[in-house]
N, C-alpha and C. Protein backbone atom coordinates (compact mmCIF):
# COMPACT_ATOMS: atom_id res chain seq x y z
N MET A 1 -2.57 -0.13 21.90
CA MET A 1 -2.11 0.97 21.36
C MET A 1 -3.41 1.57 20.19
N ASN A 2 -4.15 2.50 21.01
CA ASN A 2 -5.25 3.26 20.17
C ASN A 2 -4.98 3.43 19.31
N PRO A 3 -5.36 4.12 17.93
CA PRO A 3 -5.08 4.46 16.97
C PRO A 3 -4.14 6.38 17.06
N ALA A 4 -4.81 6.92 17.87
CA ALA A 4 -3.78 8.35 17.95
C ALA A 4 -2.75 8.43 18.43
N ASP A 5 -2.53 7.42 19.13
CA ASP A 5 -1.46 6.84 19.96
C ASP A 5 -0.07 6.22 19.62
N LEU A 6 -1.14 5.54 18.38
CA LEU A 6 -0.16 4.94 17.38
C LEU A 6 0.65 5.78 16.02
N SER A 7 -0.35 6.53 15.76
CA SER A 7 0.11 7.25 14.80
C SER A 7 1.38 8.63 15.20
N SER A 8 0.86 8.83 16.44
CA SER A 8 2.23 9.75 17.20
C SER A 8 3.37 9.08 17.66
N TYR A 9 2.84 7.46 17.77
CA TYR A 9 4.23 6.80 17.88
C TYR A 9 4.66 6.92 16.33
N LEU A 10 4.57 6.39 15.10
CA LEU A 10 4.95 6.15 13.88
C LEU A 10 5.59 7.13 13.26
N LYS A 11 5.01 8.56 13.19
CA LYS A 11 5.21 9.84 12.99
C LYS A 11 6.68 10.37 13.50
N ALA A 12 6.86 10.24 15.26
CA ALA A 12 7.81 10.45 15.63
C ALA A 12 9.08 9.58 14.78
N ARG A 13 8.98 8.18 14.30
CA ARG A 13 9.83 7.74 14.02
C ARG A 13 10.31 6.89 12.60
N ILE A 14 9.06 8.37 11.47
CA ILE A 14 9.25 8.53 10.11
C ILE A 14 10.38 9.69 9.90
N ARG A 15 11.07 9.03 9.72
CA ARG A 15 12.64 10.35 8.94
C ARG A 15 12.03 10.77 7.52
N THR A 16 11.68 12.06 7.76
CA THR A 16 11.33 13.28 5.94
C THR A 16 12.47 13.88 5.97
N VAL A 17 12.47 13.85 4.69
CA VAL A 17 14.21 14.04 3.93
C VAL A 17 13.47 15.30 2.68
N ARG A 18 13.38 16.46 3.19
CA ARG A 18 12.87 17.75 2.55
C ARG A 18 14.33 17.61 0.93
N ASP A 19 13.12 18.01 -0.01
CA ASP A 19 13.74 18.61 -1.65
C ASP A 19 14.41 17.15 -1.63
N TRP A 20 13.94 16.24 -1.76
CA TRP A 20 13.88 14.70 -2.38
C TRP A 20 13.13 14.59 -2.82
N PRO A 21 13.38 13.28 -3.46
CA PRO A 21 14.11 13.66 -4.97
C PRO A 21 13.77 14.78 -5.51
N LYS A 22 12.96 15.72 -5.51
CA LYS A 22 13.89 16.77 -6.25
C LYS A 22 12.92 18.28 -5.42
N VAL A 23 13.33 19.25 -5.68
CA VAL A 23 13.20 20.45 -4.67
C VAL A 23 11.60 20.29 -3.84
N GLY A 24 11.15 21.49 -3.29
CA GLY A 24 9.68 20.57 -2.82
C GLY A 24 8.85 19.62 -2.90
N VAL A 25 10.06 18.61 -2.48
CA VAL A 25 8.47 17.13 -2.01
C VAL A 25 9.58 16.82 -0.48
N ASN A 26 8.80 16.65 -0.09
CA ASN A 26 8.88 16.09 1.35
C ASN A 26 8.91 14.68 1.30
N PHE A 27 10.21 13.75 1.38
CA PHE A 27 10.04 12.14 1.32
C PHE A 27 9.66 12.22 2.70
N ARG A 28 8.88 11.10 2.64
CA ARG A 28 8.34 10.51 3.86
C ARG A 28 9.27 9.21 3.55
N ASP A 29 10.31 8.96 4.64
CA ASP A 29 11.02 7.56 4.34
C ASP A 29 10.97 7.31 5.78
N VAL A 30 10.40 5.90 4.99
CA VAL A 30 9.43 4.77 5.72
C VAL A 30 10.50 3.23 6.19
N THR A 31 12.15 3.41 6.37
CA THR A 31 13.19 2.62 6.04
C THR A 31 12.91 2.42 7.98
N THR A 32 13.04 3.35 8.56
CA THR A 32 13.65 4.17 9.51
C THR A 32 12.03 3.14 10.56
N LEU A 33 10.66 2.94 10.20
CA LEU A 33 10.04 2.09 11.10
C LEU A 33 10.39 -0.05 10.61
N PHE A 34 11.55 -0.12 9.22
CA PHE A 34 11.73 -1.16 8.88
C PHE A 34 12.75 -1.64 10.25
N HIS A 35 13.10 -0.35 10.19
CA HIS A 35 14.87 -0.77 11.30
C HIS A 35 14.37 -1.11 12.85
N ASP A 36 13.22 -0.30 13.16
CA ASP A 36 12.55 -0.62 14.65
C ASP A 36 11.98 -1.66 15.03
N PRO A 37 12.37 -2.73 15.12
CA PRO A 37 11.84 -4.29 16.17
C PRO A 37 10.39 -4.05 16.48
N GLU A 38 10.24 -3.09 17.23
CA GLU A 38 9.08 -2.90 17.98
C GLU A 38 7.84 -1.69 16.89
N ALA A 39 8.39 -1.44 16.21
CA ALA A 39 7.75 -0.46 15.49
C ALA A 39 7.13 -1.15 14.70
N PHE A 40 7.75 -2.04 13.84
CA PHE A 40 7.24 -2.71 12.54
C PHE A 40 6.81 -3.67 13.42
N ARG A 41 6.37 -4.59 14.12
CA ARG A 41 5.47 -5.14 15.18
C ARG A 41 4.24 -4.24 15.37
N VAL A 42 4.08 -3.34 15.65
CA VAL A 42 2.45 -2.60 15.96
C VAL A 42 1.95 -2.33 14.23
N MET A 43 3.03 -1.81 13.47
CA MET A 43 2.55 -1.93 12.13
C MET A 43 1.46 -3.09 11.85
N VAL A 44 2.77 -4.16 11.77
CA VAL A 44 1.80 -5.73 10.98
C VAL A 44 0.76 -5.88 12.25
N GLU A 45 0.54 -5.53 13.40
CA GLU A 45 -0.35 -6.70 14.02
C GLU A 45 -1.49 -5.06 14.07
N SER A 46 -1.30 -4.20 13.97
CA SER A 46 -2.44 -2.55 13.57
C SER A 46 -2.67 -3.27 12.07
N PHE A 47 -2.66 -3.71 11.25
CA PHE A 47 -2.94 -4.22 10.06
C PHE A 47 -3.69 -5.54 10.30
N SER A 48 -3.36 -6.19 10.43
CA SER A 48 -4.02 -7.79 10.93
C SER A 48 -5.59 -7.46 11.70
N LEU A 49 -5.56 -7.08 12.59
CA LEU A 49 -6.62 -6.88 13.28
C LEU A 49 -7.38 -5.69 12.74
N ASP A 50 -6.60 -4.95 11.77
CA ASP A 50 -8.14 -4.43 10.93
C ASP A 50 -8.25 -5.28 9.80
N CYS A 51 -7.65 -5.94 9.35
CA CYS A 51 -7.88 -6.83 7.56
C CYS A 51 -8.86 -8.24 8.30
N THR A 52 -8.28 -8.36 9.44
CA THR A 52 -9.62 -9.21 9.68
C THR A 52 -10.79 -9.38 9.49
N ARG A 53 -11.67 -7.90 10.06
CA ARG A 53 -12.55 -7.75 10.10
C ARG A 53 -12.90 -7.89 8.30
N HIS A 54 -12.45 -7.68 7.48
CA HIS A 54 -12.71 -7.28 5.91
C HIS A 54 -12.71 -9.16 5.46
N LYS A 55 -12.32 -9.67 6.19
CA LYS A 55 -12.06 -11.47 5.56
C LYS A 55 -11.29 -11.80 4.39
N ILE A 56 -10.23 -11.37 4.35
CA ILE A 56 -9.12 -11.30 3.55
C ILE A 56 -8.29 -12.45 2.80
N ASP A 57 -8.97 -13.01 1.60
CA ASP A 57 -8.48 -14.61 0.80
C ASP A 57 -6.81 -14.10 0.46
N VAL A 58 -6.14 -12.24 0.53
CA VAL A 58 -5.07 -12.64 -0.50
C VAL A 58 -4.45 -11.28 0.11
N VAL A 59 -3.25 -11.80 0.40
CA VAL A 59 -2.47 -9.99 0.35
C VAL A 59 -1.32 -9.81 -0.91
N ALA A 60 -2.08 -8.08 -1.66
CA ALA A 60 -1.09 -8.15 -2.81
C ALA A 60 -0.20 -7.00 -2.34
N ALA A 61 0.95 -6.16 -2.17
CA ALA A 61 1.84 -5.37 -2.22
C ALA A 61 2.23 -4.47 -3.23
N ILE A 62 2.46 -3.68 -3.23
CA ILE A 62 3.21 -2.91 -4.72
C ILE A 62 4.68 -2.56 -4.11
N ASP A 63 5.18 -2.43 -4.88
CA ASP A 63 6.93 -2.09 -5.62
C ASP A 63 7.46 -1.56 -4.90
N ALA A 64 8.20 -1.12 -4.35
CA ALA A 64 8.77 -2.00 -3.32
C ALA A 64 9.05 -2.13 -1.69
N ARG A 65 8.89 -0.98 -1.09
CA ARG A 65 7.86 -1.32 0.39
C ARG A 65 7.32 -1.79 0.64
N GLY A 66 5.92 -1.35 -0.05
CA GLY A 66 4.80 -2.18 0.00
C GLY A 66 5.18 -3.85 0.42
N PHE A 67 6.52 -4.54 -0.62
CA PHE A 67 5.93 -5.69 -0.03
C PHE A 67 6.75 -6.00 0.96
N ILE A 68 7.54 -5.26 2.13
CA ILE A 68 8.36 -5.13 3.13
C ILE A 68 7.04 -5.57 4.63
N ILE A 69 5.46 -4.43 4.60
CA ILE A 69 4.39 -4.71 5.28
C ILE A 69 3.50 -5.86 4.85
N GLY A 70 3.58 -6.49 3.48
CA GLY A 70 2.84 -6.85 2.65
C GLY A 70 3.57 -8.26 2.85
N GLY A 71 4.81 -8.59 3.02
CA GLY A 71 4.98 -9.59 3.05
C GLY A 71 4.65 -10.42 4.90
N ALA A 72 5.70 -9.76 5.74
CA ALA A 72 4.88 -10.18 6.77
C ALA A 72 3.55 -9.47 7.26
N LEU A 73 3.19 -8.87 7.08
CA LEU A 73 1.36 -9.51 6.91
C LEU A 73 0.86 -10.61 6.29
N ALA A 74 1.17 -11.06 4.86
CA ALA A 74 0.59 -11.93 4.59
C ALA A 74 0.99 -13.32 5.80
N TYR A 75 2.49 -13.02 6.10
CA TYR A 75 2.23 -14.21 6.99
C TYR A 75 2.35 -14.57 7.98
N GLN A 76 1.73 -13.36 8.81
CA GLN A 76 1.26 -12.86 10.03
C GLN A 76 -0.20 -12.80 10.35
N MET A 77 -0.85 -13.61 8.40
CA MET A 77 -2.58 -13.64 8.55
C MET A 77 -2.78 -14.68 8.55
N HIS A 78 -1.50 -15.75 7.62
CA HIS A 78 -1.69 -17.25 6.99
C HIS A 78 -2.41 -16.76 5.73
N LYS A 79 -1.91 -15.71 4.75
CA LYS A 79 -2.63 -15.39 3.68
C LYS A 79 -1.53 -15.62 2.47
N PRO A 80 -2.07 -15.85 1.29
CA PRO A 80 -1.19 -15.99 0.07
C PRO A 80 -0.73 -14.51 -0.14
N PHE A 81 0.41 -13.86 -0.46
CA PHE A 81 1.18 -13.14 -0.94
C PHE A 81 1.31 -12.71 -2.32
N VAL A 82 0.88 -11.62 -2.65
CA VAL A 82 1.18 -11.41 -4.44
C VAL A 82 1.71 -10.07 -4.70
N LEU A 83 3.10 -10.29 -5.48
CA LEU A 83 3.63 -8.79 -5.67
C LEU A 83 2.78 -8.02 -7.38
N VAL A 84 2.77 -6.75 -6.61
CA VAL A 84 2.79 -6.00 -8.10
C VAL A 84 4.04 -5.33 -8.11
N ARG A 85 4.02 -5.46 -9.40
CA ARG A 85 5.33 -5.84 -9.72
C ARG A 85 6.05 -4.25 -10.40
N LYS A 86 6.63 -3.58 -11.08
CA LYS A 86 7.00 -2.33 -12.43
C LYS A 86 7.07 -3.56 -13.35
N LYS A 87 6.93 -3.48 -14.50
CA LYS A 87 6.37 -3.92 -16.07
C LYS A 87 8.09 -4.48 -15.76
N GLY A 88 7.54 -5.88 -16.24
CA GLY A 88 9.37 -6.11 -16.88
C GLY A 88 10.19 -7.27 -15.70
N LYS A 89 9.29 -7.71 -14.85
CA LYS A 89 9.96 -7.83 -13.48
C LYS A 89 9.24 -8.74 -13.08
N LEU A 90 8.17 -9.37 -13.47
CA LEU A 90 7.85 -10.78 -13.17
C LEU A 90 8.37 -11.96 -14.03
N PRO A 91 8.97 -13.16 -13.97
CA PRO A 91 9.21 -13.93 -14.80
C PRO A 91 7.80 -14.55 -15.37
N TYR A 92 6.95 -14.85 -15.36
CA TYR A 92 5.85 -15.79 -15.39
C TYR A 92 5.03 -14.96 -16.77
N GLN A 93 3.57 -15.44 -17.09
CA GLN A 93 2.82 -14.79 -17.79
C GLN A 93 2.22 -13.95 -16.90
N THR A 94 1.77 -12.62 -17.78
CA THR A 94 1.37 -11.28 -16.67
C THR A 94 0.32 -10.49 -17.08
N ILE A 95 -0.19 -10.00 -16.85
CA ILE A 95 -1.15 -8.37 -17.25
C ILE A 95 -0.23 -7.47 -16.15
N SER A 96 -0.51 -6.33 -17.36
CA SER A 96 -0.60 -4.78 -16.81
C SER A 96 -1.16 -4.23 -16.92
N GLU A 97 -0.86 -2.88 -16.04
CA GLU A 97 -1.83 -1.43 -16.09
C GLU A 97 -1.20 -0.49 -16.45
N ASP A 98 -1.35 1.03 -16.93
CA ASP A 98 -0.30 1.67 -17.55
C ASP A 98 -1.28 2.32 -16.08
N TYR A 99 -0.96 3.91 -15.58
CA TYR A 99 -0.93 4.93 -15.17
C TYR A 99 -0.05 6.01 -15.12
N ALA A 100 -1.21 7.20 -14.95
CA ALA A 100 0.11 8.55 -14.95
C ALA A 100 0.74 8.78 -13.52
N LEU A 101 1.70 9.15 -14.07
CA LEU A 101 2.47 9.70 -12.94
C LEU A 101 3.11 11.60 -13.00
N GLU A 102 3.24 12.83 -11.95
CA GLU A 102 3.44 13.46 -12.71
C GLU A 102 3.66 14.55 -13.95
N TYR A 103 5.11 13.22 -13.93
CA TYR A 103 6.25 14.02 -15.68
C TYR A 103 5.78 13.17 -16.50
N GLY A 104 4.52 12.42 -17.02
CA GLY A 104 4.49 11.09 -17.87
C GLY A 104 3.89 9.52 -17.39
N SER A 105 3.84 8.22 -17.47
CA SER A 105 3.39 7.49 -17.44
C SER A 105 4.84 6.18 -16.92
N ALA A 106 3.72 4.97 -15.92
CA ALA A 106 4.41 3.91 -16.19
C ALA A 106 3.47 2.92 -16.31
N SER A 107 4.22 1.46 -15.65
CA SER A 107 3.22 0.20 -15.68
C SER A 107 3.80 -0.56 -14.68
N ILE A 108 2.36 -1.15 -14.29
CA ILE A 108 2.95 -2.35 -13.47
C ILE A 108 1.81 -3.52 -13.56
N GLU A 109 2.02 -4.53 -12.72
CA GLU A 109 1.72 -5.59 -13.00
C GLU A 109 1.91 -6.75 -12.35
N ILE A 110 0.90 -7.45 -12.88
CA ILE A 110 0.99 -9.32 -11.85
C ILE A 110 1.03 -10.51 -12.92
N HIS A 111 0.86 -11.38 -12.29
CA HIS A 111 1.30 -12.49 -12.52
C HIS A 111 -0.70 -12.98 -13.19
N ALA A 112 -0.67 -14.01 -13.95
CA ALA A 112 -1.88 -14.18 -14.71
C ALA A 112 -2.56 -14.75 -13.74
N ASP A 113 -2.02 -15.69 -12.92
CA ASP A 113 -2.75 -16.43 -12.11
C ASP A 113 -2.83 -15.92 -10.44
N ALA A 114 -2.34 -14.69 -10.45
CA ALA A 114 -2.29 -14.00 -9.02
C ALA A 114 -3.36 -14.35 -7.88
N CYS A 115 -4.25 -14.62 -8.57
CA CYS A 115 -5.38 -14.86 -7.36
C CYS A 115 -6.43 -15.71 -8.46
N HIS A 116 -7.39 -16.36 -7.75
CA HIS A 116 -8.61 -17.05 -7.90
C HIS A 116 -9.71 -16.49 -8.30
N SER A 117 -10.39 -15.50 -9.19
CA SER A 117 -11.65 -15.21 -9.41
C SER A 117 -12.83 -14.62 -7.68
N GLY A 118 -13.05 -14.31 -7.81
CA GLY A 118 -14.07 -13.76 -6.52
C GLY A 118 -13.13 -13.42 -4.90
N ALA A 119 -11.65 -13.49 -5.90
CA ALA A 119 -10.58 -13.21 -4.49
C ALA A 119 -11.24 -12.01 -3.29
N ARG A 120 -11.29 -12.23 -1.86
CA ARG A 120 -11.07 -10.62 -1.77
C ARG A 120 -9.84 -10.33 -0.99
N VAL A 121 -8.73 -9.41 -2.02
CA VAL A 121 -7.80 -8.82 -2.04
C VAL A 121 -7.51 -7.90 -0.97
N LEU A 122 -6.36 -8.03 -0.18
CA LEU A 122 -6.03 -6.61 0.85
C LEU A 122 -4.90 -5.63 -0.67
N LEU A 123 -4.98 -4.87 -0.34
CA LEU A 123 -3.58 -4.13 -1.16
C LEU A 123 -3.06 -3.36 -0.22
N VAL A 124 -1.34 -3.51 -0.55
CA VAL A 124 -0.80 -3.06 0.85
C VAL A 124 0.29 -2.34 -0.65
N ASP A 125 0.27 -0.67 0.71
CA ASP A 125 1.65 0.00 0.39
C ASP A 125 2.10 1.20 1.49
N ASP A 126 3.88 1.18 1.39
CA ASP A 126 3.91 2.53 2.37
C ASP A 126 3.13 3.60 2.62
N LEU A 127 2.46 3.92 1.26
CA LEU A 127 1.80 5.44 1.60
C LEU A 127 1.07 6.17 0.59
N ILE A 128 -0.17 6.70 0.61
CA ILE A 128 -1.23 7.23 -0.08
C ILE A 128 -1.37 8.26 -0.35
N ALA A 129 -0.26 8.37 -1.69
CA ALA A 129 -0.13 10.00 -2.52
C ALA A 129 -1.50 10.31 -3.21
N THR A 130 -1.32 9.98 -4.66
CA THR A 130 -2.38 11.09 -5.75
C THR A 130 -3.50 9.55 -5.83
N GLY A 131 -3.18 7.79 -5.20
CA GLY A 131 -3.84 6.75 -6.01
C GLY A 131 -3.27 6.76 -6.78
N GLY A 132 -2.77 7.33 -7.95
CA GLY A 132 -2.32 6.07 -9.23
C GLY A 132 -1.81 4.97 -9.51
N THR A 133 -1.24 4.66 -8.78
CA THR A 133 -0.62 3.07 -8.46
C THR A 133 -1.49 2.76 -7.66
N LEU A 134 -2.06 2.83 -7.04
CA LEU A 134 -2.85 1.90 -6.49
C LEU A 134 -4.27 1.65 -7.74
N PHE A 135 -5.25 2.49 -7.70
CA PHE A 135 -6.08 2.63 -8.83
C PHE A 135 -5.80 1.25 -9.40
N ALA A 136 -4.57 1.94 -9.87
CA ALA A 136 -3.56 0.38 -11.36
C ALA A 136 -3.83 -0.54 -10.99
N ALA A 137 -3.31 -1.02 -9.35
CA ALA A 137 -3.28 -2.02 -9.32
C ALA A 137 -4.63 -2.98 -8.70
N ILE A 138 -5.45 -2.59 -8.59
CA ILE A 138 -7.22 -2.18 -8.48
C ILE A 138 -8.13 -2.71 -9.63
N ARG A 139 -7.30 -2.33 -10.59
CA ARG A 139 -7.41 -2.59 -12.63
C ARG A 139 -7.86 -3.94 -12.67
N LEU A 140 -6.41 -3.95 -12.28
CA LEU A 140 -5.37 -5.05 -12.34
C LEU A 140 -5.67 -6.23 -11.71
N PHE A 141 -6.85 -6.66 -10.37
CA PHE A 141 -7.46 -7.56 -9.87
C PHE A 141 -8.42 -7.82 -10.50
N GLN A 142 -9.63 -6.35 -10.53
CA GLN A 142 -10.60 -6.51 -11.32
C GLN A 142 -10.93 -6.90 -12.53
N ALA A 143 -9.52 -7.30 -13.49
CA ALA A 143 -9.58 -8.04 -14.50
C ALA A 143 -8.96 -9.52 -14.28
N LEU A 144 -8.72 -9.68 -13.08
CA LEU A 144 -8.93 -11.03 -12.90
C LEU A 144 -10.02 -11.67 -12.52
N HIS A 145 -11.07 -10.79 -12.47
CA HIS A 145 -12.51 -11.12 -11.45
C HIS A 145 -12.51 -10.76 -9.78
N ALA A 146 -10.87 -10.57 -9.26
CA ALA A 146 -11.24 -10.43 -8.12
C ALA A 146 -11.51 -8.93 -7.80
N GLU A 147 -11.85 -9.04 -6.04
CA GLU A 147 -12.41 -8.09 -5.27
C GLU A 147 -11.70 -7.24 -4.25
N VAL A 148 -10.49 -5.76 -4.39
CA VAL A 148 -9.92 -5.48 -4.23
C VAL A 148 -11.35 -5.25 -2.44
N ALA A 149 -10.88 -5.52 -1.55
CA ALA A 149 -11.82 -5.52 -0.33
C ALA A 149 -10.92 -3.58 0.71
N ALA A 150 -10.19 -3.93 0.43
CA ALA A 150 -9.54 -2.65 1.66
C ALA A 150 -7.81 -2.39 0.57
N VAL A 151 -7.92 -1.35 1.25
CA VAL A 151 -6.73 -0.62 1.11
C VAL A 151 -5.63 0.08 2.29
N ALA A 152 -4.66 -0.47 2.75
CA ALA A 152 -3.55 -0.22 3.78
C ALA A 152 -2.74 0.66 3.25
N ALA A 153 -2.12 1.38 4.12
CA ALA A 153 -1.04 2.05 3.78
C ALA A 153 -0.45 2.33 4.87
N ILE A 154 0.96 2.64 5.85
CA ILE A 154 1.73 2.99 6.68
C ILE A 154 0.87 4.32 7.09
N ILE A 155 1.53 5.38 5.80
CA ILE A 155 0.97 6.83 5.77
C ILE A 155 0.26 7.20 4.63
N ASP A 156 -0.73 7.85 5.06
CA ASP A 156 -1.39 9.14 4.14
C ASP A 156 -1.52 10.31 4.31
N LEU A 157 -1.31 10.89 3.05
CA LEU A 157 -0.48 12.19 2.93
C LEU A 157 -2.28 13.02 1.95
N PRO A 158 -3.12 12.86 2.71
CA PRO A 158 -4.76 13.34 2.58
C PRO A 158 -4.33 14.78 1.07
N GLU A 159 -3.79 15.58 1.98
CA GLU A 159 -3.68 16.96 0.82
C GLU A 159 -3.37 16.72 -0.65
N LEU A 160 -2.91 15.16 -0.59
CA LEU A 160 -2.96 15.16 -2.59
C LEU A 160 -3.57 14.56 -2.82
N GLY A 161 -4.64 14.17 -1.86
CA GLY A 161 -6.04 13.58 -2.94
C GLY A 161 -6.53 11.68 -2.85
N GLY A 162 -5.31 11.07 -2.45
CA GLY A 162 -5.67 9.49 -2.86
C GLY A 162 -6.66 9.01 -2.07
N SER A 163 -6.50 9.23 -0.94
CA SER A 163 -7.34 8.51 0.53
C SER A 163 -8.93 9.08 -0.12
N GLN A 164 -8.97 10.31 0.11
CA GLN A 164 -10.53 10.23 -0.76
C GLN A 164 -10.72 9.56 -1.82
N LYS A 165 -10.20 9.31 -3.30
CA LYS A 165 -10.31 8.99 -4.08
C LYS A 165 -10.89 7.36 -3.66
N LEU A 166 -9.61 6.64 -3.42
CA LEU A 166 -10.01 5.86 -3.12
C LEU A 166 -11.77 5.04 -2.17
N ARG A 167 -11.47 6.17 -1.20
CA ARG A 167 -12.58 5.57 -0.35
C ARG A 167 -14.40 6.69 -0.79
N ALA A 168 -14.10 7.44 -1.97
CA ALA A 168 -15.22 7.78 -3.24
C ALA A 168 -15.66 6.46 -3.85
N SER A 169 -14.41 5.68 -4.10
CA SER A 169 -14.87 4.55 -4.77
C SER A 169 -15.28 3.37 -4.29
N GLY A 170 -15.54 3.66 -3.02
CA GLY A 170 -16.36 2.85 -2.39
C GLY A 170 -15.41 1.36 -1.64
N LEU A 171 -13.84 2.16 -1.25
CA LEU A 171 -12.94 0.97 -0.84
C LEU A 171 -12.60 1.44 0.68
N THR A 172 -12.68 0.62 1.54
CA THR A 172 -12.18 1.00 2.62
C THR A 172 -10.26 1.36 2.82
N VAL A 173 -10.22 1.87 3.61
CA VAL A 173 -8.80 2.77 3.81
C VAL A 173 -8.00 2.87 5.07
N HIS A 174 -7.08 2.21 5.29
CA HIS A 174 -6.82 2.04 6.11
C HIS A 174 -4.86 2.72 6.57
N SER A 175 -4.65 3.69 7.08
CA SER A 175 -3.71 4.26 6.70
C SER A 175 -3.24 4.51 8.85
N LEU A 176 -2.04 4.05 8.77
CA LEU A 176 -1.92 4.34 10.33
C LEU A 176 -1.33 6.00 10.93
N CYS A 177 -0.84 6.82 9.94
CA CYS A 177 -0.89 8.02 10.06
C CYS A 177 -0.55 8.59 9.25
N GLU A 178 -0.55 10.11 9.44
CA GLU A 178 -1.16 11.14 8.10
C GLU A 178 0.01 12.14 8.36
N PHE A 179 0.28 13.32 6.89
CA PHE A 179 1.43 13.88 7.07
C PHE A 179 0.22 14.64 5.97
N SER A 180 0.46 15.91 6.95
CA SER A 180 0.23 17.61 6.14
C SER A 180 1.15 17.34 4.71
N GLU A 181 1.80 18.66 3.99
CA GLU A 181 2.34 18.81 3.28
C GLU A 181 3.68 19.53 4.34
N ASN A 182 3.23 20.10 5.34
CA ASN A 182 3.67 21.65 5.92
C ASN A 182 4.74 20.48 7.29
N GLU A 183 4.46 19.43 6.86
CA GLU A 183 4.88 18.97 9.01
C GLU A 183 6.42 18.94 8.32
């Protein structure tokens, strides 16, 4: 399926929940894609084809919807899978990184032995908004002397600027569709 057709196909299946979790926010609910076996399959295949070009060693995904795509992609590509979790959720020695939210801050972490030095990491999430969580995850892998080779997301929200910042920092960004705030 070509990228334009894939984008239209997925957008038609993503549920938008208006004014959630607060008034003025258009929540893009990708759980509808996970419920559709064909949509799920084409997402994983599209990411897999793109990732082959980047010679990925490790697939890492961000808590929690990113885990669904990341786990399936790691399985498809026969690669190790790393969880990027909210602070306090991993059972072994971890490293953590704080990042800013719209109102306050949060922390994410990975296991200290999540990957080897020099590993090429694909970072997966359900969507790219401001990029704050993704940049925090990138810093975690850099602390382990790994290289985040690319970022993949189902949805890009380009008006929020995250994908532009990621590309400006030298990263390849692969999103399957994008939404404007007025869609």
